[in-house]
């Protein structure tokens, strides 16, 4: 008995899914690569009490709010 047709059918099923997975990973990588580097002036836009406007706060920062920042940015301040 030859088992080649079974392995070929598995390979035929697996190959298109791997292409889709590669496409999904590429899209996710491009989404996360979009950071604050595109608008460096926005990093120094101050808000609140000693806060800075950022898309995402760093680990050592906390969110004060959105007041004083442009759309989709939040006011982040350092933890003490």
PDB file of N, CA and C in Angstrom:
ATOM      1  N   UNK A   1       0.830  -1.184   0.000  1.00  0.00           N
ATOM      2  CA  UNK A   1       0.000   0.000   0.000  1.00  0.00           C
ATOM      3  C   UNK A   1       0.867   1.238   0.000  1.00  0.00           C
ATOM      4  N   UNK A   2       0.506   2.132  -0.847  1.00  0.00           N
ATOM      5  CA  UNK A   2       1.216   3.407  -0.888  1.00  0.00           C
ATOM      6  C   UNK A   2       0.390   4.459  -0.164  1.00  0.00           C
ATOM      7  N   UNK A   3       1.065   5.240   0.643  1.00  0.00           N
ATOM      8  CA  UNK A   3       0.382   6.295   1.389  1.00  0.00           C
ATOM      9  C   UNK A   3       0.643   7.668   0.793  1.00  0.00           C
ATOM     10  N   UNK A   4       1.158   7.723  -0.407  1.00  0.00           N
ATOM     11  CA  UNK A   4       1.449   9.009  -1.036  1.00  0.00           C
ATOM     12  C   UNK A   4       0.216   9.869  -1.246  1.00  0.00           C
ATOM     13  N   UNK A   5      -0.909   9.342  -1.701  1.00  0.00           N
ATOM     14  CA  UNK A   5      -2.085  10.210  -1.886  1.00  0.00           C
ATOM     15  C   UNK A   5      -2.527  10.892  -0.600  1.00  0.00           C
ATOM     16  N   UNK A   6      -2.385  10.221   0.539  1.00  0.00           N
ATOM     17  CA  UNK A   6      -2.772  10.825   1.808  1.00  0.00           C
ATOM     18  C   UNK A   6      -1.859  11.998   2.122  1.00  0.00           C
ATOM     19  N   UNK A   7      -0.538  11.808   1.981  1.00  0.00           N
ATOM     20  CA  UNK A   7       0.397  12.894   2.283  1.00  0.00           C
ATOM     21  C   UNK A   7       0.239  14.044   1.290  1.00  0.00           C
ATOM     22  N   UNK A   8      -0.063  13.724   0.032  1.00  0.00           N
ATOM     23  CA  UNK A   8      -0.281  14.794  -0.943  1.00  0.00           C
ATOM     24  C   UNK A   8      -1.537  15.582  -0.621  1.00  0.00           C
ATOM     25  N   UNK A   9      -2.586  14.892  -0.151  1.00  0.00           N
ATOM     26  CA  UNK A   9      -3.812  15.619   0.188  1.00  0.00           C
ATOM     27  C   UNK A   9      -3.593  16.497   1.414  1.00  0.00           C
ATOM     28  N   UNK A  10      -2.814  16.016   2.371  1.00  0.00           N
ATOM     29  CA  UNK A  10      -2.500  16.834   3.544  1.00  0.00           C
ATOM     30  C   UNK A  10      -1.652  18.026   3.124  1.00  0.00           C
ATOM     31  N   UNK A  11      -0.681  17.791   2.278  1.00  0.00           N
ATOM     32  CA  UNK A  11       0.181  18.869   1.804  1.00  0.00           C
ATOM     33  C   UNK A  11      -0.623  19.883   0.994  1.00  0.00           C
ATOM     34  N   UNK A  12      -1.562  19.411   0.182  1.00  0.00           N
ATOM     35  CA  UNK A  12      -2.396  20.323  -0.603  1.00  0.00           C
ATOM     36  C   UNK A  12      -3.303  21.146   0.303  1.00  0.00           C
ATOM     37  N   UNK A  13      -3.738  20.564   1.408  1.00  0.00           N
ATOM     38  CA  UNK A  13      -4.583  21.302   2.349  1.00  0.00           C
ATOM     39  C   UNK A  13      -3.755  22.270   3.180  1.00  0.00           C
ATOM     40  N   UNK A  14      -2.551  21.899   3.545  1.00  0.00           N
ATOM     41  CA  UNK A  14      -1.710  22.698   4.439  1.00  0.00           C
ATOM     42  C   UNK A  14      -1.102  23.903   3.724  1.00  0.00           C
ATOM     43  N   UNK A  15      -0.725  23.764   2.487  1.00  0.00           N
ATOM     44  CA  UNK A  15       0.001  24.821   1.772  1.00  0.00           C
ATOM     45  C   UNK A  15      -0.798  26.119   1.624  1.00  0.00           C
ATOM     46  N   UNK A  16      -2.056  26.111   1.196  1.00  0.00           N
ATOM     47  CA  UNK A  16      -2.803  27.377   1.102  1.00  0.00           C
ATOM     48  C   UNK A  16      -3.008  28.038   2.464  1.00  0.00           C
ATOM     49  N   UNK A  17      -3.168  27.240   3.512  1.00  0.00           N
ATOM     50  CA  UNK A  17      -3.339  27.816   4.839  1.00  0.00           C
ATOM     51  C   UNK A  17      -2.076  28.519   5.304  1.00  0.00           C
ATOM     52  N   UNK A  18      -0.922  27.991   4.947  1.00  0.00           N
ATOM     53  CA  UNK A  18       0.334  28.630   5.332  1.00  0.00           C
ATOM     54  C   UNK A  18       0.500  29.959   4.600  1.00  0.00           C
ATOM     55  N   UNK A  19       0.035  30.045   3.365  1.00  0.00           N
ATOM     56  CA  UNK A  19       0.086  31.320   2.642  1.00  0.00           C
ATOM     57  C   UNK A  19      -0.802  32.348   3.330  1.00  0.00           C
ATOM     58  N   UNK A  20      -1.979  31.928   3.750  1.00  0.00           N
ATOM     59  CA  UNK A  20      -2.888  32.826   4.465  1.00  0.00           C
ATOM     60  C   UNK A  20      -2.308  33.263   5.795  1.00  0.00           C
ATOM     61  N   UNK A  21      -1.663  32.331   6.490  1.00  0.00           N
ATOM     62  CA  UNK A  21      -1.035  32.661   7.767  1.00  0.00           C
ATOM     63  C   UNK A  21       0.096  33.662   7.565  1.00  0.00           C
ATOM     64  N   UNK A  22       0.872  33.485   6.510  1.00  0.00           N
ATOM     65  CA  UNK A  22       1.939  34.437   6.206  1.00  0.00           C
ATOM     66  C   UNK A  22       1.385  35.814   5.905  1.00  0.00           C
ATOM     67  N   UNK A  23       0.270  35.871   5.209  1.00  0.00           N
ATOM     68  CA  UNK A  23      -0.366  37.152   4.902  1.00  0.00           C
ATOM     69  C   UNK A  23      -0.874  37.824   6.173  1.00  0.00           C
ATOM     70  N   UNK A  24      -1.479  37.047   7.056  1.00  0.00           N
ATOM     71  CA  UNK A  24      -1.972  37.598   8.324  1.00  0.00           C
ATOM     72  C   UNK A  24      -0.809  38.134   9.157  1.00  0.00           C
ATOM     73  N   UNK A  25       0.276  37.388   9.226  1.00  0.00           N
ATOM     74  CA  UNK A  25       1.443  37.845   9.991  1.00  0.00           C
ATOM     75  C   UNK A  25       2.040  39.114   9.394  1.00  0.00           C
ATOM     76  N   UNK A  26       2.071  39.214   8.085  1.00  0.00           N
ATOM     77  CA  UNK A  26       2.586  40.418   7.437  1.00  0.00           C
ATOM     78  C   UNK A  26       1.716  41.628   7.756  1.00  0.00           C
ATOM     79  N   UNK A  27       0.407  41.457   7.711  1.00  0.00           N
ATOM     80  CA  UNK A  27      -0.508  42.558   8.026  1.00  0.00           C
ATOM     81  C   UNK A  27      -0.347  42.985   9.479  1.00  0.00           C
ATOM     82  N   UNK A  28      -0.242  42.026  10.394  1.00  0.00           N
ATOM     83  CA  UNK A  28      -0.042  42.364  11.808  1.00  0.00           C
ATOM     84  C   UNK A  28       1.274  43.092  12.027  1.00  0.00           C
ATOM     85  N   UNK A  29       2.315  42.655  11.349  1.00  0.00           N
ATOM     86  CA  UNK A  29       3.613  43.318  11.470  1.00  0.00           C
ATOM     87  C   UNK A  29       3.537  44.753  10.976  1.00  0.00           C
ATOM     88  N   UNK A  30       2.859  44.974   9.872  1.00  0.00           N
ATOM     89  CA  UNK A  30       2.722  46.332   9.345  1.00  0.00           C
ATOM     90  C   UNK A  30       1.866  47.201  10.257  1.00  0.00           C
ATOM     91  N   UNK A  31       0.869  46.608  10.907  1.00  0.00           N
ATOM     92  CA  UNK A  31       0.039  47.386  11.828  1.00  0.00           C
ATOM     93  C   UNK A  31       0.840  47.828  13.043  1.00  0.00           C
ATOM     94  N   UNK A  32       1.650  46.925  13.597  1.00  0.00           N
ATOM     95  CA  UNK A  32       2.415  47.265  14.789  1.00  0.00           C
ATOM     96  C   UNK A  32       3.640  48.105  14.469  1.00  0.00           C
ATOM     97  N   UNK A  33       4.094  48.081  13.222  1.00  0.00           N
ATOM     98  CA  UNK A  33       5.243  48.899  12.840  1.00  0.00           C
ATOM     99  C   UNK A  33       4.862  50.370  12.776  1.00  0.00           C
ATOM    100  N   UNK A  34       3.569  50.661  12.621  1.00  0.00           N
ATOM    101  CA  UNK A  34       3.097  52.037  12.594  1.00  0.00           C
ATOM    102  C   UNK A  34       3.133  52.580  14.015  1.00  0.00           C
ATOM    103  N   UNK A  35       4.162  53.337  14.308  1.00  0.00           N
ATOM    104  CA  UNK A  35       4.331  53.852  15.665  1.00  0.00           C
ATOM    105  C   UNK A  35       4.324  55.356  15.706  1.00  0.00           C
ATOM    106  N   UNK A  36       4.992  55.889  16.673  1.00  0.00           N
ATOM    107  CA  UNK A  36       5.011  57.331  16.874  1.00  0.00           C
ATOM    108  C   UNK A  36       6.069  58.019  16.019  1.00  0.00           C
ATOM    109  N   UNK A  37       6.873  57.271  15.286  1.00  0.00           N
ATOM    110  CA  UNK A  37       7.954  57.864  14.514  1.00  0.00           C
ATOM    111  C   UNK A  37       7.455  58.725  13.365  1.00  0.00           C
ATOM    112  N   UNK A  38       6.223  58.481  12.899  1.00  0.00           N
ATOM    113  CA  UNK A  38       5.717  59.242  11.764  1.00  0.00           C
ATOM    114  C   UNK A  38       5.434  60.691  12.126  1.00  0.00           C
ATOM    115  N   UNK A  39       5.095  60.958  13.368  1.00  0.00           N
ATOM    116  CA  UNK A  39       4.775  62.312  13.796  1.00  0.00           C
ATOM    117  C   UNK A  39       5.589  62.638  15.049  1.00  0.00           C
ATOM    118  N   UNK A  40       6.878  62.940  14.888  1.00  0.00           N
ATOM    119  CA  UNK A  40       7.727  63.154  16.063  1.00  0.00           C
ATOM    120  C   UNK A  40       7.344  64.384  16.872  1.00  0.00           C
ATOM    121  N   UNK A  41       6.700  65.377  16.236  1.00  0.00           N
ATOM    122  CA  UNK A  41       6.292  66.577  16.964  1.00  0.00           C
ATOM    123  C   UNK A  41       5.222  66.226  17.988  1.00  0.00           C
ATOM    124  N   UNK A  42       4.373  65.249  17.674  1.00  0.00           N
ATOM    125  CA  UNK A  42       3.287  64.871  18.563  1.00  0.00           C
ATOM    126  C   UNK A  42       3.816  64.296  19.872  1.00  0.00           C
ATOM    127  N   UNK A  43       5.021  63.730  19.886  1.00  0.00           N
ATOM    128  CA  UNK A  43       5.582  63.166  21.106  1.00  0.00           C
ATOM    129  C   UNK A  43       5.821  64.243  22.154  1.00  0.00           C
ATOM    130  N   UNK A  44       6.016  65.463  21.743  1.00  0.00           N
ATOM    131  CA  UNK A  44       6.344  66.542  22.667  1.00  0.00           C
ATOM    132  C   UNK A  44       5.165  67.480  22.898  1.00  0.00           C
ATOM    133  N   UNK A  45       3.966  67.089  22.509  1.00  0.00           N
ATOM    134  CA  UNK A  45       2.769  67.873  22.740  1.00  0.00           C
ATOM    135  C   UNK A  45       2.356  67.629  24.188  1.00  0.00           C
ATOM    136  N   UNK A  46       2.423  68.666  25.013  1.00  0.00           N
ATOM    137  CA  UNK A  46       2.153  68.491  26.442  1.00  0.00           C
ATOM    138  C   UNK A  46       0.665  68.580  26.734  1.00  0.00           C
ATOM    139  N   UNK A  47       0.264  67.934  27.811  1.00  0.00           N
ATOM    140  CA  UNK A  47      -1.128  67.933  28.238  1.00  0.00           C
ATOM    141  C   UNK A  47      -1.166  67.690  29.739  1.00  0.00           C
ATOM    142  N   UNK A  48      -2.237  68.109  30.361  1.00  0.00           N
ATOM    143  CA  UNK A  48      -2.410  67.850  31.787  1.00  0.00           C
ATOM    144  C   UNK A  48      -1.267  68.388  32.622  1.00  0.00           C
ATOM    145  N   UNK A  49      -0.977  67.714  33.702  1.00  0.00           N
ATOM    146  CA  UNK A  49       0.126  68.100  34.578  1.00  0.00           C
ATOM    147  C   UNK A  49       1.335  67.233  34.252  1.00  0.00           C
ATOM    148  N   UNK A  50       2.287  67.793  33.544  1.00  0.00           N
ATOM    149  CA  UNK A  50       3.526  67.119  33.151  1.00  0.00           C
ATOM    150  C   UNK A  50       3.256  65.867  32.324  1.00  0.00           C
ATOM    151  N   UNK A  51       2.267  65.916  31.466  1.00  0.00           N
ATOM    152  CA  UNK A  51       1.946  64.774  30.617  1.00  0.00           C
ATOM    153  C   UNK A  51       2.338  65.021  29.173  1.00  0.00           C
ATOM    154  N   UNK A  52       2.436  63.947  28.402  1.00  0.00           N
ATOM    155  CA  UNK A  52       2.741  64.016  26.980  1.00  0.00           C
ATOM    156  C   UNK A  52       1.686  63.237  26.207  1.00  0.00           C
ATOM    157  N   UNK A  53       1.331  63.748  25.022  1.00  0.00           N
ATOM    158  CA  UNK A  53       0.356  63.061  24.171  1.00  0.00           C
ATOM    159  C   UNK A  53       1.048  61.926  23.424  1.00  0.00           C
ATOM    160  N   UNK A  54       0.507  60.736  23.537  1.00  0.00           N
ATOM    161  CA  UNK A  54       1.041  59.572  22.830  1.00  0.00           C
ATOM    162  C   UNK A  54      -0.126  58.699  22.386  1.00  0.00           C
ATOM    163  N   UNK A  55       0.134  57.885  21.374  1.00  0.00           N
ATOM    164  CA  UNK A  55      -0.877  56.903  20.970  1.00  0.00           C
ATOM    165  C   UNK A  55      -1.004  55.822  22.033  1.00  0.00           C
ATOM    166  N   UNK A  56       0.117  55.333  22.539  1.00  0.00           N
ATOM    167  CA  UNK A  56       0.128  54.312  23.584  1.00  0.00           C
ATOM    168  C   UNK A  56       1.098  54.748  24.665  1.00  0.00           C
ATOM    169  N   UNK A  57       0.697  54.606  25.908  1.00  0.00           N
ATOM    170  CA  UNK A  57       1.572  54.959  27.021  1.00  0.00           C
ATOM    171  C   UNK A  57       2.607  53.854  27.217  1.00  0.00           C
ATOM    172  N   UNK A  58       3.800  54.245  27.632  1.00  0.00           N
ATOM    173  CA  UNK A  58       4.848  53.274  27.931  1.00  0.00           C
ATOM    174  C   UNK A  58       4.539  52.570  29.247  1.00  0.00           C
ATOM    175  N   UNK A  59       5.298  51.530  29.559  1.00  0.00           N
ATOM    176  CA  UNK A  59       5.038  50.731  30.760  1.00  0.00           C
ATOM    177  C   UNK A  59       5.183  51.553  32.036  1.00  0.00           C
ATOM    178  N   UNK A  60       6.092  52.512  32.045  1.00  0.00           N
ATOM    179  CA  UNK A  60       6.329  53.317  33.244  1.00  0.00           C
ATOM    180  C   UNK A  60       5.397  54.522  33.321  1.00  0.00           C
ATOM    181  N   UNK A  61       4.433  54.621  32.413  1.00  0.00           N
ATOM    182  CA  UNK A  61       3.500  55.744  32.382  1.00  0.00           C
ATOM    183  C   UNK A  61       2.072  55.264  32.647  1.00  0.00           C
ATOM    184  N   UNK A  62       1.214  56.206  32.990  1.00  0.00           N
ATOM    185  CA  UNK A  62      -0.201  55.893  33.148  1.00  0.00           C
ATOM    186  C   UNK A  62      -1.016  56.934  32.387  1.00  0.00           C
ATOM    187  N   UNK A  63      -2.260  56.592  32.055  1.00  0.00           N
ATOM    188  CA  UNK A  63      -3.123  57.468  31.263  1.00  0.00           C
ATOM    189  C   UNK A  63      -3.813  58.462  32.183  1.00  0.00           C
ATOM    190  N   UNK A  64      -3.641  59.755  31.882  1.00  0.00           N
ATOM    191  CA  UNK A  64      -4.352  60.801  32.614  1.00  0.00           C
ATOM    192  C   UNK A  64      -5.735  60.985  32.001  1.00  0.00           C
ATOM    193  N   UNK A  65      -5.794  60.979  30.689  1.00  0.00           N
ATOM    194  CA  UNK A  65      -7.053  61.167  29.975  1.00  0.00           C
ATOM    195  C   UNK A  65      -6.767  61.534  28.533  1.00  0.00           C
ATOM    196  N   UNK A  66      -7.757  62.110  27.869  1.00  0.00           N
ATOM    197  CA  UNK A  66      -7.609  62.506  26.472  1.00  0.00           C
ATOM    198  C   UNK A  66      -7.675  64.015  26.300  1.00  0.00           C
ATOM    199  N   UNK A  67      -7.957  64.747  27.361  1.00  0.00           N
ATOM    200  CA  UNK A  67      -8.137  66.191  27.266  1.00  0.00           C
ATOM    201  C   UNK A  67      -6.819  66.871  26.908  1.00  0.00           C
ATOM    202  N   UNK A  68      -6.857  67.710  25.888  1.00  0.00           N
ATOM    203  CA  UNK A  68      -5.671  68.438  25.462  1.00  0.00           C
ATOM    204  C   UNK A  68      -4.868  67.731  24.396  1.00  0.00           C
ATOM    205  N   UNK A  69      -5.269  66.541  24.014  1.00  0.00           N
ATOM    206  CA  UNK A  69      -4.557  65.786  22.979  1.00  0.00           C
ATOM    207  C   UNK A  69      -5.419  65.685  21.727  1.00  0.00           C
ATOM    208  N   UNK A  70      -4.780  65.564  20.569  1.00  0.00           N
ATOM    209  CA  UNK A  70      -5.545  65.366  19.332  1.00  0.00           C
ATOM    210  C   UNK A  70      -6.271  64.018  19.341  1.00  0.00           C
ATOM    211  N   UNK A  71      -7.075  63.806  18.330  1.00  0.00           N
ATOM    212  CA  UNK A  71      -7.866  62.587  18.219  1.00  0.00           C
ATOM    213  C   UNK A  71      -6.962  61.356  18.205  1.00  0.00           C
ATOM    214  N   UNK A  72      -7.390  60.311  18.874  1.00  0.00           N
ATOM    215  CA  UNK A  72      -6.703  59.023  18.977  1.00  0.00           C
ATOM    216  C   UNK A  72      -5.391  59.084  19.754  1.00  0.00           C
ATOM    217  N   UNK A  73      -5.143  60.157  20.474  1.00  0.00           N
ATOM    218  CA  UNK A  73      -3.975  60.251  21.348  1.00  0.00           C
ATOM    219  C   UNK A  73      -4.457  60.356  22.780  1.00  0.00           C
ATOM    220  N   UNK A  74      -3.655  59.905  23.713  1.00  0.00           N
ATOM    221  CA  UNK A  74      -3.998  60.012  25.132  1.00  0.00           C
ATOM    222  C   UNK A  74      -2.879  60.717  25.874  1.00  0.00           C
ATOM    223  N   UNK A  75      -3.236  61.296  26.976  1.00  0.00           N
ATOM    224  CA  UNK A  75      -2.278  62.026  27.796  1.00  0.00           C
ATOM    225  C   UNK A  75      -1.634  61.041  28.773  1.00  0.00           C
ATOM    226  N   UNK A  76      -0.324  60.902  28.702  1.00  0.00           N
ATOM    227  CA  UNK A  76       0.407  59.950  29.536  1.00  0.00           C
ATOM    228  C   UNK A  76       1.361  60.695  30.458  1.00  0.00           C
ATOM    229  N   UNK A  77       1.454  60.256  31.701  1.00  0.00           N
ATOM    230  CA  UNK A  77       2.366  60.860  32.672  1.00  0.00           C
ATOM    231  C   UNK A  77       3.179  59.756  33.335  1.00  0.00           C
ATOM    232  N   UNK A  78       4.346  60.123  33.833  1.00  0.00           N
ATOM    233  CA  UNK A  78       5.244  59.159  34.481  1.00  0.00           C
ATOM    234  C   UNK A  78       4.698  58.738  35.838  1.00  0.00           C
ATOM    235  N   UNK A  79       4.905  57.485  36.188  1.00  0.00           N
ATOM    236  CA  UNK A  79       4.573  56.997  37.532  1.00  0.00           C
ATOM    237  C   UNK A  79       5.716  57.378  38.460  1.00  0.00           C
ATOM    238  N   UNK A  80       5.385  57.667  39.692  1.00  0.00           N
ATOM    239  CA  UNK A  80       6.444  57.997  40.657  1.00  0.00           C
ATOM    240  C   UNK A  80       6.537  56.942  41.708  1.00  0.00           C
TER     241      UNK A  80
END
